[in-house]
Amino acid sequence: MKRALALTALALAACTGVPASLAEAPAAPAAETAPSWRAVEPENLVILDAPTGQVVIELFPEAAPAHVARLRELLAKGFYDGEFFYRVIEGHVAQAGREFPIASQPWPNLPLEAERAVSAEGFVPLGNADLFAPEAGHRSGFAVGREGGQEWLLNCPGALGMARDEGPDTGSTEIYFPLQPRRYLDRNYTIFGRIIDGMEHIQRLPRVNPSTEEEINAIFGEDKPLAYQIAMFRRSKLNFNAVFAVRLASAMPESERPAYEVMDTASAEWAALKDSKRDYSAVPAFIAPPVNKLDICSLPVPTRQAEPAQP
């Protein structure tokens, strides 16, 4: 057998002009590829406990530093604990915080951070045209739109956004999650994170409309018995949408701190996954030619829970 292999190597060398010594040499080890997954930093990992289940959010401070700093400050003070998802509109958004700002300490308004100037380095194109942006793709696992040097995060399901009043710089404390793609909101509201685990628990929240103007006037009116009655009625509608607690992973003991990883959108694995969701030509049941396009909101970048780091 060894003699046969040696003769084969000599024959290959004769045909290719490669010396027999090189033809017999083992192949060089393949170059190491970049890791396909990256760890989420504990200071960017938010754990939200709702009646429907636990929701895990990754923050993106590079895109909206003032908003991320504000959220960290609010979480440190337990701002959302015991509050509600007081506006959950079918096909639109789930909004949480304090429904009546008049009843709580005012927080200064934030500047709109809906888009920013950033270089193309680190941007991974989706690979086909987008309906709402000149170019769409991903940066660090977040869905983004791009035009020239401007870039913005997208209102895909599970994005973390800051609600505001009519003025662009009037966001403060009220957060929202799109339940479906709400791309017409892109560049108009600040997105500063996304749900990486537990989106199904947001989808399961009972739908509820915000208080009417009449209810608000009654709750803060001078008729105390009526105010109490209306307030309790409102609370009964929100009980199933309570926010038990929201905290940063970095504020938890290391032994209890969850760890998550996000697929690297610059990896070959992500490129292969996109291709597999774009081309269905091999599916026998398809009788019409697939369009070979991918909607950016239909394929969230995969995440997985990892083993916590050892101290």
C-alpha atoms as a PDB file:
ATOM      1  CA  MET A   1       0.000   0.000   0.000  1.00  0.00           C
ATOM      2  CA  LYS A   2       2.805   2.421   0.921  1.00  0.00           C
ATOM      3  CA  ARG A   3       4.564   1.634  -2.379  1.00  0.00           C
ATOM      4  CA  ALA A   4       1.361   2.380  -4.287  1.00  0.00           C
ATOM      5  CA  LEU A   5       0.971   5.720  -2.538  1.00  0.00           C
ATOM      6  CA  ALA A   6       4.571   6.612  -3.291  1.00  0.00           C
ATOM      7  CA  LEU A   7       4.129   5.788  -6.982  1.00  0.00           C
ATOM      8  CA  THR A   8       0.979   7.903  -7.039  1.00  0.00           C
ATOM      9  CA  ALA A   9       2.865  10.852  -5.572  1.00  0.00           C
ATOM     10  CA  LEU A  10       5.608  10.460  -8.192  1.00  0.00           C
ATOM     11  CA  ALA A  11       3.035  10.324 -10.960  1.00  0.00           C
ATOM     12  CA  LEU A  12       1.379  13.500  -9.695  1.00  0.00           C
ATOM     13  CA  ALA A  13       4.750  15.194  -9.549  1.00  0.00           C
ATOM     14  CA  ALA A  14       5.519  14.222 -13.104  1.00  0.00           C
ATOM     15  CA  CYS A  15       2.203  15.544 -14.357  1.00  0.00           C
ATOM     16  CA  THR A  16       2.312  18.833 -12.446  1.00  0.00           C
ATOM     17  CA  GLY A  17       5.996  19.602 -12.386  1.00  0.00           C
ATOM     18  CA  VAL A  18       5.979  19.654  -8.552  1.00  0.00           C
ATOM     19  CA  PRO A  19       8.966  17.933  -6.929  1.00  0.00           C
ATOM     20  CA  ALA A  20       8.091  14.559  -5.398  1.00  0.00           C
ATOM     21  CA  SER A  21       9.229  15.748  -1.964  1.00  0.00           C
ATOM     22  CA  LEU A  22       6.637  18.519  -2.038  1.00  0.00           C
ATOM     23  CA  ALA A  23       3.946  16.271  -3.488  1.00  0.00           C
ATOM     24  CA  GLU A  24       4.371  13.932  -0.543  1.00  0.00           C
ATOM     25  CA  ALA A  25       4.414  16.748   2.051  1.00  0.00           C
ATOM     26  CA  PRO A  26       1.323  17.229   4.194  1.00  0.00           C
ATOM     27  CA  ALA A  27      -0.876  20.211   3.392  1.00  0.00           C
ATOM     28  CA  ALA A  28      -0.304  23.368   5.380  1.00  0.00           C
ATOM     29  CA  PRO A  29      -2.845  23.938   8.139  1.00  0.00           C
ATOM     30  CA  ALA A  30      -5.735  26.188   7.110  1.00  0.00           C
ATOM     31  CA  ALA A  31      -5.591  29.770   8.324  1.00  0.00           C
ATOM     32  CA  GLU A  32      -7.607  30.419  11.454  1.00  0.00           C
ATOM     33  CA  THR A  33     -10.949  32.046  10.716  1.00  0.00           C
ATOM     34  CA  ALA A  34     -12.489  34.818  12.771  1.00  0.00           C
ATOM     35  CA  PRO A  35     -14.826  33.666  15.555  1.00  0.00           C
ATOM     36  CA  SER A  36     -18.422  33.284  14.381  1.00  0.00           C
ATOM     37  CA  TRP A  37     -19.886  34.528  17.662  1.00  0.00           C
ATOM     38  CA  ARG A  38     -19.141  37.488  19.920  1.00  0.00           C
ATOM     39  CA  ALA A  39     -19.956  37.894  23.595  1.00  0.00           C
ATOM     40  CA  VAL A  40     -22.406  40.592  24.730  1.00  0.00           C
ATOM     41  CA  GLU A  41     -20.812  42.821  27.352  1.00  0.00           C
ATOM     42  CA  PRO A  42     -22.639  42.719  30.733  1.00  0.00           C
ATOM     43  CA  GLU A  43     -23.002  46.523  30.774  1.00  0.00           C
ATOM     44  CA  ASN A  44     -24.957  46.254  27.513  1.00  0.00           C
ATOM     45  CA  LEU A  45     -27.165  43.341  28.583  1.00  0.00           C
ATOM     46  CA  VAL A  46     -30.604  44.205  30.009  1.00  0.00           C
ATOM     47  CA  ILE A  47     -32.868  41.670  31.720  1.00  0.00           C
ATOM     48  CA  LEU A  48     -36.590  42.551  31.782  1.00  0.00           C
ATOM     49  CA  ASP A  49     -38.968  40.373  33.819  1.00  0.00           C
ATOM     50  CA  ALA A  50     -42.590  40.556  32.661  1.00  0.00           C
ATOM     51  CA  PRO A  51     -45.616  38.386  33.535  1.00  0.00           C
ATOM     52  CA  THR A  52     -45.296  36.628  30.186  1.00  0.00           C
ATOM     53  CA  GLY A  53     -41.604  35.734  30.662  1.00  0.00           C
ATOM     54  CA  GLN A  54     -38.058  37.044  30.687  1.00  0.00           C
ATOM     55  CA  VAL A  55     -36.855  39.352  27.921  1.00  0.00           C
ATOM     56  CA  VAL A  56     -33.161  39.958  27.184  1.00  0.00           C
ATOM     57  CA  ILE A  57     -32.010  43.128  25.405  1.00  0.00           C
ATOM     58  CA  GLU A  58     -28.655  44.184  23.998  1.00  0.00           C
ATOM     59  CA  LEU A  59     -27.853  47.914  24.029  1.00  0.00           C
ATOM     60  CA  PHE A  60     -25.868  49.626  21.272  1.00  0.00           C
ATOM     61  CA  PRO A  61     -24.112  52.620  22.870  1.00  0.00           C
ATOM     62  CA  GLU A  62     -22.134  53.427  19.709  1.00  0.00           C
ATOM     63  CA  ALA A  63     -25.369  54.355  17.926  1.00  0.00           C
ATOM     64  CA  ALA A  64     -27.050  56.387  20.685  1.00  0.00           C
ATOM     65  CA  PRO A  65     -24.717  57.069  23.620  1.00  0.00           C
ATOM     66  CA  ALA A  66     -27.002  59.546  25.420  1.00  0.00           C
ATOM     67  CA  HIS A  67     -29.964  57.157  25.323  1.00  0.00           C
ATOM     68  CA  VAL A  68     -27.948  54.204  26.555  1.00  0.00           C
ATOM     69  CA  ALA A  69     -26.500  56.314  29.366  1.00  0.00           C
ATOM     70  CA  ARG A  70     -30.025  57.436  30.352  1.00  0.00           C
ATOM     71  CA  LEU A  71     -31.349  53.866  30.380  1.00  0.00           C
ATOM     72  CA  ARG A  72     -28.470  52.703  32.554  1.00  0.00           C
ATOM     73  CA  GLU A  73     -29.230  55.533  34.967  1.00  0.00           C
ATOM     74  CA  LEU A  74     -32.939  54.684  35.031  1.00  0.00           C
ATOM     75  CA  LEU A  75     -32.220  51.005  35.661  1.00  0.00           C
ATOM     76  CA  ALA A  76     -29.866  51.837  38.508  1.00  0.00           C
ATOM     77  CA  LYS A  77     -32.750  53.713  40.169  1.00  0.00           C
ATOM     78  CA  GLY A  78     -35.304  50.946  39.485  1.00  0.00           C
ATOM     79  CA  PHE A  79     -37.367  53.349  37.391  1.00  0.00           C
ATOM     80  CA  TYR A  80     -39.342  50.692  35.494  1.00  0.00           C
ATOM     81  CA  ASP A  81     -39.837  48.250  38.371  1.00  0.00           C
ATOM     82  CA  GLY A  82     -43.536  47.945  39.122  1.00  0.00           C
ATOM     83  CA  GLU A  83     -44.566  50.005  36.102  1.00  0.00           C
ATOM     84  CA  PHE A  84     -46.508  48.726  33.076  1.00  0.00           C
ATOM     85  CA  PHE A  85     -46.601  48.200  29.354  1.00  0.00           C
ATOM     86  CA  TYR A  86     -49.409  50.742  29.216  1.00  0.00           C
ATOM     87  CA  ARG A  87     -49.688  50.951  25.426  1.00  0.00           C
ATOM     88  CA  VAL A  88     -49.699  47.659  23.502  1.00  0.00           C
ATOM     89  CA  ILE A  89     -51.203  48.177  20.067  1.00  0.00           C
ATOM     90  CA  GLU A  90     -51.815  45.187  17.798  1.00  0.00           C
ATOM     91  CA  GLY A  91     -49.517  45.329  14.780  1.00  0.00           C
ATOM     92  CA  HIS A  92     -47.697  48.378  16.130  1.00  0.00           C
ATOM     93  CA  VAL A  93     -45.679  48.708  19.361  1.00  0.00           C
ATOM     94  CA  ALA A  94     -45.500  47.775  23.043  1.00  0.00           C
ATOM     95  CA  GLN A  95     -44.648  50.874  25.101  1.00  0.00           C
ATOM     96  CA  ALA A  96     -43.523  50.821  28.727  1.00  0.00           C
ATOM     97  CA  GLY A  97     -42.643  53.257  31.476  1.00  0.00           C
ATOM     98  CA  ARG A  98     -44.718  55.709  33.477  1.00  0.00           C
ATOM     99  CA  GLU A  99     -47.953  56.514  31.728  1.00  0.00           C
ATOM    100  CA  PHE A 100     -48.468  59.704  33.709  1.00  0.00           C
ATOM    101  CA  PRO A 101     -45.224  61.726  33.803  1.00  0.00           C
ATOM    102  CA  ILE A 102     -47.027  64.324  35.896  1.00  0.00           C
ATOM    103  CA  ALA A 103     -46.967  61.844  38.782  1.00  0.00           C
ATOM    104  CA  SER A 104     -43.220  61.210  38.717  1.00  0.00           C
ATOM    105  CA  GLN A 105     -39.924  63.069  38.851  1.00  0.00           C
ATOM    106  CA  PRO A 106     -39.250  64.781  35.524  1.00  0.00           C
ATOM    107  CA  TRP A 107     -36.200  63.663  33.609  1.00  0.00           C
ATOM    108  CA  PRO A 108     -34.441  66.030  31.186  1.00  0.00           C
ATOM    109  CA  ASN A 109     -35.234  65.482  27.522  1.00  0.00           C
ATOM    110  CA  LEU A 110     -32.686  63.752  25.335  1.00  0.00           C
ATOM    111  CA  PRO A 111     -31.308  64.830  21.961  1.00  0.00           C
ATOM    112  CA  LEU A 112     -32.590  62.853  19.000  1.00  0.00           C
ATOM    113  CA  GLU A 113     -29.987  60.199  18.127  1.00  0.00           C
ATOM    114  CA  ALA A 114     -31.889  58.543  15.305  1.00  0.00           C
ATOM    115  CA  GLU A 115     -28.931  58.573  12.899  1.00  0.00           C
ATOM    116  CA  ARG A 116     -25.232  59.278  12.907  1.00  0.00           C
ATOM    117  CA  ALA A 117     -22.304  59.811  10.588  1.00  0.00           C
ATOM    118  CA  VAL A 118     -20.156  56.678  10.503  1.00  0.00           C
ATOM    119  CA  SER A 119     -17.682  55.109   8.090  1.00  0.00           C
ATOM    120  CA  ALA A 120     -18.573  52.064   6.035  1.00  0.00           C
ATOM    121  CA  GLU A 121     -16.001  49.966   7.901  1.00  0.00           C
ATOM    122  CA  GLY A 122     -17.815  47.254   9.860  1.00  0.00           C
ATOM    123  CA  PHE A 123     -21.006  47.566   7.803  1.00  0.00           C
ATOM    124  CA  VAL A 124     -22.115  44.272   6.178  1.00  0.00           C
ATOM    125  CA  PRO A 125     -24.594  44.790   3.294  1.00  0.00           C
ATOM    126  CA  LEU A 126     -27.747  42.703   3.229  1.00  0.00           C
ATOM    127  CA  GLY A 127     -27.112  41.717  -0.392  1.00  0.00           C
ATOM    128  CA  ASN A 128     -30.250  43.008  -2.087  1.00  0.00           C
ATOM    129  CA  ALA A 129     -32.294  46.198  -2.368  1.00  0.00           C
ATOM    130  CA  ASP A 130     -34.363  47.505   0.534  1.00  0.00           C
ATOM    131  CA  LEU A 131     -37.749  49.208   0.288  1.00  0.00           C
ATOM    132  CA  PHE A 132     -37.049  51.960   2.826  1.00  0.00           C
ATOM    133  CA  ALA A 133     -33.309  52.656   2.729  1.00  0.00           C
ATOM    134  CA  PRO A 134     -30.847  53.195  -0.131  1.00  0.00           C
ATOM    135  CA  GLU A 135     -28.811  50.408   1.460  1.00  0.00           C
ATOM    136  CA  ALA A 136     -29.542  48.032   4.328  1.00  0.00           C
ATOM    137  CA  GLY A 137     -27.323  45.655   6.215  1.00  0.00           C
ATOM    138  CA  HIS A 138     -25.902  44.936   9.652  1.00  0.00           C
ATOM    139  CA  ARG A 139     -23.418  46.353  12.091  1.00  0.00           C
ATOM    140  CA  SER A 140     -22.467  44.303  15.157  1.00  0.00           C
ATOM    141  CA  GLY A 141     -25.654  42.262  14.749  1.00  0.00           C
ATOM    142  CA  PHE A 142     -27.975  45.287  14.535  1.00  0.00           C
ATOM    143  CA  ALA A 143     -30.089  45.931  11.438  1.00  0.00           C
ATOM    144  CA  VAL A 144     -29.157  49.301   9.961  1.00  0.00           C
ATOM    145  CA  GLY A 145     -29.968  51.517   7.008  1.00  0.00           C
ATOM    146  CA  ARG A 146     -27.334  53.565   5.255  1.00  0.00           C
ATOM    147  CA  GLU A 147     -27.134  56.520   2.903  1.00  0.00           C
ATOM    148  CA  GLY A 148     -23.799  58.113   2.136  1.00  0.00           C
ATOM    149  CA  GLY A 149     -22.033  58.478   5.455  1.00  0.00           C
ATOM    150  CA  GLN A 150     -25.251  58.462   7.515  1.00  0.00           C
ATOM    151  CA  GLU A 151     -26.449  55.314   9.264  1.00  0.00           C
ATOM    152  CA  TRP A 152     -29.471  54.491  11.433  1.00  0.00           C
ATOM    153  CA  LEU A 153     -30.910  51.508  13.281  1.00  0.00           C
ATOM    154  CA  LEU A 154     -34.143  50.022  11.954  1.00  0.00           C
ATOM    155  CA  ASN A 155     -37.573  49.608  13.523  1.00  0.00           C
ATOM    156  CA  CYS A 156     -37.648  45.840  13.097  1.00  0.00           C
ATOM    157  CA  PRO A 157     -39.628  43.699  15.578  1.00  0.00           C
ATOM    158  CA  GLY A 158     -37.869  43.747  18.932  1.00  0.00           C
ATOM    159  CA  ALA A 159     -35.904  46.949  18.373  1.00  0.00           C
ATOM    160  CA  LEU A 160     -35.616  49.091  21.510  1.00  0.00           C
ATOM    161  CA  GLY A 161     -36.711  52.664  20.838  1.00  0.00           C
ATOM    162  CA  MET A 162     -37.374  55.824  22.832  1.00  0.00           C
ATOM    163  CA  ALA A 163     -40.880  57.260  22.583  1.00  0.00           C
ATOM    164  CA  ARG A 164     -41.233  61.041  22.465  1.00  0.00           C
ATOM    165  CA  ASP A 165     -43.647  63.922  21.956  1.00  0.00           C
ATOM    166  CA  GLU A 166     -43.896  65.872  18.708  1.00  0.00           C
ATOM    167  CA  GLY A 167     -40.574  67.656  19.053  1.00  0.00           C
ATOM    168  CA  PRO A 168     -37.523  65.627  17.953  1.00  0.00           C
ATOM    169  CA  ASP A 169     -35.647  66.247  21.230  1.00  0.00           C
ATOM    170  CA  THR A 170     -38.465  65.297  23.620  1.00  0.00           C
ATOM    171  CA  GLY A 171     -37.587  61.663  24.415  1.00  0.00           C
ATOM    172  CA  SER A 172     -36.987  61.016  28.098  1.00  0.00           C
ATOM    173  CA  THR A 173     -37.953  57.716  29.727  1.00  0.00           C
ATOM    174  CA  GLU A 174     -40.697  55.929  27.760  1.00  0.00           C
ATOM    175  CA  ILE A 175     -39.411  52.961  25.752  1.00  0.00           C
ATOM    176  CA  TYR A 176     -41.081  50.917  23.032  1.00  0.00           C
ATOM    177  CA  PHE A 177     -40.621  47.705  21.068  1.00  0.00           C
ATOM    178  CA  PRO A 178     -42.117  47.295  17.568  1.00  0.00           C
ATOM    179  CA  LEU A 179     -44.341  44.206  17.379  1.00  0.00           C
ATOM    180  CA  GLN A 180     -44.095  44.193  13.587  1.00  0.00           C
ATOM    181  CA  PRO A 181     -41.792  46.035  11.189  1.00  0.00           C
ATOM    182  CA  ARG A 182     -42.536  49.755  11.545  1.00  0.00           C
ATOM    183  CA  ARG A 183     -39.967  51.015   9.073  1.00  0.00           C
ATOM    184  CA  TYR A 184     -41.733  54.325   8.454  1.00  0.00           C
ATOM    185  CA  LEU A 185     -40.482  55.276  11.938  1.00  0.00           C
ATOM    186  CA  ASP A 186     -36.846  54.905  10.822  1.00  0.00           C
ATOM    187  CA  ARG A 187     -34.741  58.055  11.314  1.00  0.00           C
ATOM    188  CA  ASN A 188     -37.594  59.668  13.266  1.00  0.00           C
ATOM    189  CA  TYR A 189     -37.174  57.886  16.607  1.00  0.00           C
ATOM    190  CA  THR A 190     -34.006  56.845  18.390  1.00  0.00           C
ATOM    191  CA  ILE A 191     -33.309  53.103  18.351  1.00  0.00           C
ATOM    192  CA  PHE A 192     -30.614  52.097  20.828  1.00  0.00           C
ATOM    193  CA  GLY A 193     -30.892  48.327  21.310  1.00  0.00           C
ATOM    194  CA  ARG A 194     -32.740  45.169  20.350  1.00  0.00           C
ATOM    195  CA  ILE A 195     -34.288  42.113  21.989  1.00  0.00           C
ATOM    196  CA  ILE A 196     -31.963  39.135  21.602  1.00  0.00           C
ATOM    197  CA  ASP A 197     -34.038  36.616  23.566  1.00  0.00           C
ATOM    198  CA  GLY A 198     -37.691  36.439  24.623  1.00  0.00           C
ATOM    199  CA  MET A 199     -39.427  38.460  21.903  1.00  0.00           C
ATOM    200  CA  GLU A 200     -42.287  35.961  22.146  1.00  0.00           C
ATOM    201  CA  HIS A 201     -43.008  37.274  25.653  1.00  0.00           C
ATOM    202  CA  ILE A 202     -43.482  40.811  24.337  1.00  0.00           C
ATOM    203  CA  GLN A 203     -45.772  39.479  21.610  1.00  0.00           C
ATOM    204  CA  ARG A 204     -47.887  37.722  24.266  1.00  0.00           C
ATOM    205  CA  LEU A 205     -48.637  40.894  26.238  1.00  0.00           C
ATOM    206  CA  PRO A 206     -52.376  41.662  26.328  1.00  0.00           C
ATOM    207  CA  ARG A 207     -53.254  44.533  24.000  1.00  0.00           C
ATOM    208  CA  VAL A 208     -54.240  47.738  25.738  1.00  0.00           C
ATOM    209  CA  ASN A 209     -54.769  51.350  24.650  1.00  0.00           C
ATOM    210  CA  PRO A 210     -53.356  54.303  26.575  1.00  0.00           C
ATOM    211  CA  SER A 211     -55.626  56.264  28.871  1.00  0.00           C
ATOM    212  CA  THR A 212     -58.060  58.659  27.305  1.00  0.00           C
ATOM    213  CA  GLU A 213     -57.906  62.373  28.003  1.00  0.00           C
ATOM    214  CA  GLU A 214     -61.065  62.040  30.096  1.00  0.00           C
ATOM    215  CA  GLU A 215     -59.479  59.329  32.258  1.00  0.00           C
ATOM    216  CA  ILE A 216     -56.326  61.397  32.760  1.00  0.00           C
ATOM    217  CA  ASN A 217     -58.340  64.455  33.763  1.00  0.00           C
ATOM    218  CA  ALA A 218     -60.355  62.353  36.201  1.00  0.00           C
ATOM    219  CA  ILE A 219     -57.298  60.680  37.741  1.00  0.00           C
ATOM    220  CA  PHE A 220     -55.625  64.024  38.421  1.00  0.00           C
ATOM    221  CA  GLY A 221     -58.838  65.913  39.137  1.00  0.00           C
ATOM    222  CA  GLU A 222     -60.029  67.347  42.423  1.00  0.00           C
ATOM    223  CA  ASP A 223     -62.740  64.716  42.914  1.00  0.00           C
ATOM    224  CA  LYS A 224     -60.672  62.349  45.053  1.00  0.00           C
ATOM    225  CA  PRO A 225     -63.160  59.425  45.212  1.00  0.00           C
ATOM    226  CA  LEU A 226     -63.628  59.547  41.433  1.00  0.00           C
ATOM    227  CA  ALA A 227     -59.871  59.872  40.883  1.00  0.00           C
ATOM    228  CA  TYR A 228     -59.244  56.780  43.002  1.00  0.00           C
ATOM    229  CA  GLN A 229     -61.976  54.825  41.224  1.00  0.00           C
ATOM    230  CA  ILE A 230     -60.657  55.672  37.748  1.00  0.00           C
ATOM    231  CA  ALA A 231     -57.060  54.976  38.788  1.00  0.00           C
ATOM    232  CA  MET A 232     -57.970  51.528  40.133  1.00  0.00           C
ATOM    233  CA  PHE A 233     -59.970  50.778  36.991  1.00  0.00           C
ATOM    234  CA  ARG A 234     -56.980  51.730  34.878  1.00  0.00           C
ATOM    235  CA  ARG A 235     -54.666  49.588  36.979  1.00  0.00           C
ATOM    236  CA  SER A 236     -56.975  46.582  36.596  1.00  0.00           C
ATOM    237  CA  LYS A 237     -56.570  46.835  32.818  1.00  0.00           C
ATOM    238  CA  LEU A 238     -52.786  46.909  33.142  1.00  0.00           C
ATOM    239  CA  ASN A 239     -52.192  44.234  35.780  1.00  0.00           C
ATOM    240  CA  PHE A 240     -51.314  41.613  33.179  1.00  0.00           C
ATOM    241  CA  ASN A 241     -48.761  43.976  31.626  1.00  0.00           C
ATOM    242  CA  ALA A 242     -46.757  44.693  34.762  1.00  0.00           C
ATOM    243  CA  VAL A 243     -42.997  45.130  34.612  1.00  0.00           C
ATOM    244  CA  PHE A 244     -41.662  43.179  37.572  1.00  0.00           C
ATOM    245  CA  ALA A 245     -38.044  44.292  37.290  1.00  0.00           C
ATOM    246  CA  VAL A 246     -35.520  45.574  34.749  1.00  0.00           C
ATOM    247  CA  ARG A 247     -31.796  45.453  35.459  1.00  0.00           C
ATOM    248  CA  LEU A 248     -28.392  45.413  33.835  1.00  0.00           C
ATOM    249  CA  ALA A 249     -26.484  42.147  33.888  1.00  0.00           C
ATOM    250  CA  SER A 250     -23.445  44.064  35.129  1.00  0.00           C
ATOM    251  CA  ALA A 251     -25.397  44.960  38.296  1.00  0.00           C
ATOM    252  CA  MET A 252     -26.027  41.292  39.103  1.00  0.00           C
ATOM    253  CA  PRO A 253     -23.633  39.018  41.020  1.00  0.00           C
ATOM    254  CA  GLU A 254     -21.303  37.260  38.586  1.00  0.00           C
ATOM    255  CA  SER A 255     -22.590  33.865  39.709  1.00  0.00           C
ATOM    256  CA  GLU A 256     -26.150  34.865  38.709  1.00  0.00           C
ATOM    257  CA  ARG A 257     -25.315  36.933  35.657  1.00  0.00           C
ATOM    258  CA  PRO A 258     -26.588  35.490  32.335  1.00  0.00           C
ATOM    259  CA  ALA A 259     -24.246  35.456  29.352  1.00  0.00           C
ATOM    260  CA  TYR A 260     -25.206  35.765  25.688  1.00  0.00           C
ATOM    261  CA  GLU A 261     -23.446  35.576  22.355  1.00  0.00           C
ATOM    262  CA  VAL A 262     -24.455  37.077  19.008  1.00  0.00           C
ATOM    263  CA  MET A 263     -23.504  35.675  15.616  1.00  0.00           C
ATOM    264  CA  ASP A 264     -20.828  37.801  13.971  1.00  0.00           C
ATOM    265  CA  THR A 265     -22.397  39.424  10.914  1.00  0.00           C
ATOM    266  CA  ALA A 266     -18.976  39.530   9.257  1.00  0.00           C
ATOM    267  CA  SER A 267     -18.671  35.726   9.474  1.00  0.00           C
ATOM    268  CA  ALA A 268     -19.084  33.105   6.761  1.00  0.00           C
ATOM    269  CA  GLU A 269     -21.820  31.477   8.862  1.00  0.00           C
ATOM    270  CA  TRP A 270     -23.967  34.607   8.698  1.00  0.00           C
ATOM    271  CA  ALA A 271     -23.419  34.944   4.956  1.00  0.00           C
ATOM    272  CA  ALA A 272     -24.433  31.300   4.469  1.00  0.00           C
ATOM    273  CA  LEU A 273     -27.527  31.745   6.637  1.00  0.00           C
ATOM    274  CA  LYS A 274     -28.621  34.772   4.606  1.00  0.00           C
ATOM    275  CA  ASP A 275     -28.130  32.845   1.366  1.00  0.00           C
ATOM    276  CA  SER A 276     -30.166  29.907   2.680  1.00  0.00           C
ATOM    277  CA  LYS A 277     -33.075  32.244   3.490  1.00  0.00           C
ATOM    278  CA  ARG A 278     -32.820  34.056   0.175  1.00  0.00           C
ATOM    279  CA  ASP A 279     -32.748  31.109  -2.249  1.00  0.00           C
ATOM    280  CA  TYR A 280     -35.524  28.516  -2.009  1.00  0.00           C
ATOM    281  CA  SER A 281     -35.063  27.171  -5.537  1.00  0.00           C
ATOM    282  CA  ALA A 282     -34.235  23.698  -4.218  1.00  0.00           C
ATOM    283  CA  VAL A 283     -37.583  23.347  -2.411  1.00  0.00           C
ATOM    284  CA  PRO A 284     -39.700  20.932  -4.507  1.00  0.00           C
ATOM    285  CA  ALA A 285     -42.993  22.351  -3.250  1.00  0.00           C
ATOM    286  CA  PHE A 286     -42.331  25.760  -4.816  1.00  0.00           C
ATOM    287  CA  ILE A 287     -44.135  26.059  -8.139  1.00  0.00           C
ATOM    288  CA  ALA A 288     -43.279  29.730  -8.740  1.00  0.00           C
ATOM    289  CA  PRO A 289     -39.681  30.924  -9.035  1.00  0.00           C
ATOM    290  CA  PRO A 290     -38.490  32.381  -5.688  1.00  0.00           C
ATOM    291  CA  VAL A 291     -37.657  36.077  -5.718  1.00  0.00           C
ATOM    292  CA  ASN A 292     -34.191  35.460  -4.222  1.00  0.00           C
ATOM    293  CA  LYS A 293     -34.476  38.485  -1.946  1.00  0.00           C
ATOM    294  CA  LEU A 294     -34.348  38.872   1.799  1.00  0.00           C
ATOM    295  CA  ASP A 295     -36.247  41.391   3.915  1.00  0.00           C
ATOM    296  CA  ILE A 296     -33.912  42.641   6.625  1.00  0.00           C
ATOM    297  CA  CYS A 297     -36.543  42.441   9.373  1.00  0.00           C
ATOM    298  CA  SER A 298     -37.471  38.833   8.570  1.00  0.00           C
ATOM    299  CA  LEU A 299     -34.144  37.338   9.679  1.00  0.00           C
ATOM    300  CA  PRO A 300     -32.885  38.600  13.061  1.00  0.00           C
ATOM    301  CA  VAL A 301     -29.217  37.898  13.694  1.00  0.00           C
ATOM    302  CA  PRO A 302     -29.077  34.692  15.791  1.00  0.00           C
ATOM    303  CA  THR A 303     -28.137  34.765  19.465  1.00  0.00           C
ATOM    304  CA  ARG A 304     -27.493  32.043  22.001  1.00  0.00           C
ATOM    305  CA  GLN A 305     -27.096  31.774  25.741  1.00  0.00           C
ATOM    306  CA  ALA A 306     -23.537  30.985  26.741  1.00  0.00           C
ATOM    307  CA  GLU A 307     -21.832  29.719  29.848  1.00  0.00           C
ATOM    308  CA  PRO A 308     -21.218  32.589  32.286  1.00  0.00           C
ATOM    309  CA  ALA A 309     -17.625  33.767  32.485  1.00  0.00           C
ATOM    310  CA  GLN A 310     -15.671  32.233  35.319  1.00  0.00           C
ATOM    311  CA  PRO A 311     -14.389  34.692  37.938  1.00  0.00           C
END
